[in-house]
Amino acid sequence: MAALVNPMGLDRGLESVTLFHIISEPIILKGWNLADSEKKNAPNPEF
């Protein structure tokens, strides 16, 4: 997993998270969430 949080510059809201799945079996992401270092969940994460 990779994340680009708080990139420098005036591009607020352009943070991203990338998930790489390299095996053939599906992964169920139901129940996953994204949180910051203060454990605040991201609003409405959609997987």
Protein backbone atom coordinates (compact mmCIF):
# COMPACT_ATOMS: atom_id res chain seq x y z
CA MET A 1 0.00 0.00 0.00
CA ALA A 2 1.19 3.51 -0.72
CA ALA A 3 -0.16 6.87 0.34
CA LEU A 4 0.59 10.43 -0.65
CA VAL A 5 -0.79 12.51 2.18
CA ASN A 6 -0.58 16.26 2.43
CA PRO A 7 1.46 16.79 -0.74
CA MET A 8 3.31 20.09 -0.81
CA GLY A 9 1.69 22.98 -2.62
CA LEU A 10 -1.80 24.32 -3.10
CA ASP A 11 -3.35 20.99 -4.04
CA ARG A 12 -5.48 20.35 -0.97
CA GLY A 13 -7.72 17.32 -1.34
CA LEU A 14 -5.49 15.52 -3.84
CA GLU A 15 -4.15 12.93 -1.43
CA SER A 16 -4.21 9.38 -2.73
CA VAL A 17 -3.89 5.79 -1.58
CA THR A 18 -2.92 2.98 -3.93
CA LEU A 19 -3.50 -0.70 -3.20
CA PHE A 20 -1.61 -3.32 -5.21
CA HIS A 21 -3.07 -6.81 -5.22
CA ILE A 22 -0.61 -9.29 -6.68
CA ILE A 23 -2.30 -12.63 -6.02
CA SER A 24 -5.19 -14.18 -7.94
CA GLU A 25 -7.54 -14.58 -4.98
CA PRO A 26 -9.94 -11.72 -4.24
CA ILE A 27 -9.56 -9.54 -1.17
CA ILE A 28 -12.69 -8.31 0.56
CA LEU A 29 -12.27 -4.68 1.57
CA LYS A 30 -15.63 -4.41 3.32
CA GLY A 31 -15.03 -2.94 6.75
CA TRP A 32 -11.74 -1.29 5.80
CA ASN A 33 -11.31 2.38 6.47
CA LEU A 34 -8.72 5.08 6.01
CA ALA A 35 -7.53 7.07 9.00
CA ASP A 36 -4.92 9.72 9.63
CA SER A 37 -2.20 9.68 12.27
CA GLU A 38 -4.74 11.03 14.78
CA LYS A 39 -7.01 8.05 13.99
CA LYS A 40 -9.62 10.27 12.31
CA ASN A 41 -11.43 8.27 9.62
CA ALA A 42 -11.63 9.60 6.10
CA PRO A 43 -15.15 10.67 5.16
CA ASN A 44 -17.04 8.12 3.07
CA PRO A 45 -14.22 5.85 1.91
CA GLU A 46 -15.36 3.87 -1.12
CA PHE A 47 -13.65 0.62 -1.98
